[in-house]
Amino acid sequence: MLVSTNLDQITAQALTAVYNHPQHDLNLGYRQAIWATYGSTNNSGHTKRTTLAILIARSVLRIWSNVWHDDSTPH
């Protein structure tokens, strides 16, 4: 999938914000900006955002399990 320059810029800014945040949290405004680049709330945009959410959850699942051993909420 080709990533737009706008998404590249937003992602770079979001990563900087995460690195600089004391708890490494991604502010809602950055998340909304990233979501917006995937299109409107029609089926195509919704599918892209759902796929993104699943990929993100899978990528941090190991970290979650290492930190919160007894919490299987994301599973």
Protein backbone atom coordinates (compact mmCIF):
# COMPACT_ATOMS: atom_id res chain seq x y z
CA MET A 1 0.00 0.00 0.00
CA LEU A 2 1.32 3.41 -0.94
CA VAL A 3 1.53 5.85 1.96
CA SER A 4 0.79 9.49 1.30
CA THR A 5 3.29 12.18 2.16
CA ASN A 6 0.73 13.63 4.51
CA LEU A 7 0.58 10.35 6.44
CA ASP A 8 4.38 10.21 6.48
CA GLN A 9 4.51 13.69 8.00
CA ILE A 10 1.80 12.95 10.55
CA THR A 11 3.49 9.67 11.50
CA ALA A 12 6.85 11.38 11.98
CA GLN A 13 5.28 14.05 14.18
CA ALA A 14 3.35 11.41 16.15
CA LEU A 15 6.49 9.36 16.77
CA THR A 16 8.30 12.44 18.04
CA ALA A 17 5.37 13.16 20.36
CA VAL A 18 5.40 9.57 21.67
CA TYR A 19 9.14 9.68 22.35
CA ASN A 20 8.76 12.97 24.20
CA HIS A 21 5.70 12.01 26.27
CA PRO A 22 6.57 10.88 29.84
CA GLN A 23 4.44 7.70 29.50
CA HIS A 24 5.09 7.41 25.74
CA ASP A 25 1.39 7.97 25.04
CA LEU A 26 0.09 8.84 21.60
CA ASN A 27 -2.20 11.83 22.05
CA LEU A 28 -5.75 11.47 20.70
CA GLY A 29 -5.20 14.35 18.26
CA TYR A 30 -2.40 12.46 16.51
CA ARG A 31 -4.48 9.27 16.39
CA GLN A 32 -7.38 11.18 14.86
CA ALA A 33 -5.08 12.77 12.27
CA ILE A 34 -3.74 9.35 11.29
CA TRP A 35 -7.26 7.89 11.07
CA ALA A 36 -8.39 10.82 8.92
CA THR A 37 -5.78 10.02 6.27
CA TYR A 38 -7.46 6.64 5.75
CA GLY A 39 -10.61 8.22 4.38
CA SER A 40 -14.13 8.95 5.49
CA THR A 41 -16.34 6.73 7.57
CA ASN A 42 -17.49 4.80 4.50
CA ASN A 43 -16.75 1.08 4.24
CA SER A 44 -13.32 1.56 2.65
CA GLY A 45 -12.10 3.97 5.32
CA HIS A 46 -13.59 1.85 8.09
CA THR A 47 -11.92 -1.30 6.76
CA LYS A 48 -8.54 0.44 6.56
CA ARG A 49 -8.83 1.78 10.11
CA THR A 50 -9.92 -1.64 11.40
CA THR A 51 -6.95 -3.31 9.70
CA LEU A 52 -4.63 -0.69 11.19
CA ALA A 53 -6.04 -1.28 14.69
CA ILE A 54 -5.57 -5.04 14.40
CA LEU A 55 -1.99 -4.69 13.15
CA ILE A 56 -1.14 -2.31 15.98
CA ALA A 57 -2.68 -4.58 18.62
CA ARG A 58 -0.76 -7.57 17.29
CA SER A 59 2.50 -5.63 17.26
CA VAL A 60 2.27 -4.69 20.95
CA LEU A 61 0.69 -7.88 22.30
CA ARG A 62 4.06 -9.36 23.30
CA ILE A 63 5.01 -6.18 25.15
CA TRP A 64 1.64 -6.11 26.91
CA SER A 65 2.03 -9.74 28.00
CA ASN A 66 5.54 -9.11 29.33
CA VAL A 67 4.42 -6.14 31.43
CA TRP A 68 0.96 -7.28 32.54
CA HIS A 69 1.34 -11.06 32.92
CA ASP A 70 -2.10 -11.65 34.44
CA ASP A 71 -4.10 -9.36 32.16
CA SER A 72 -5.27 -11.07 28.98
CA THR A 73 -7.68 -8.28 27.96
CA PRO A 74 -6.15 -7.71 24.50
CA HIS A 75 -6.18 -11.42 23.72
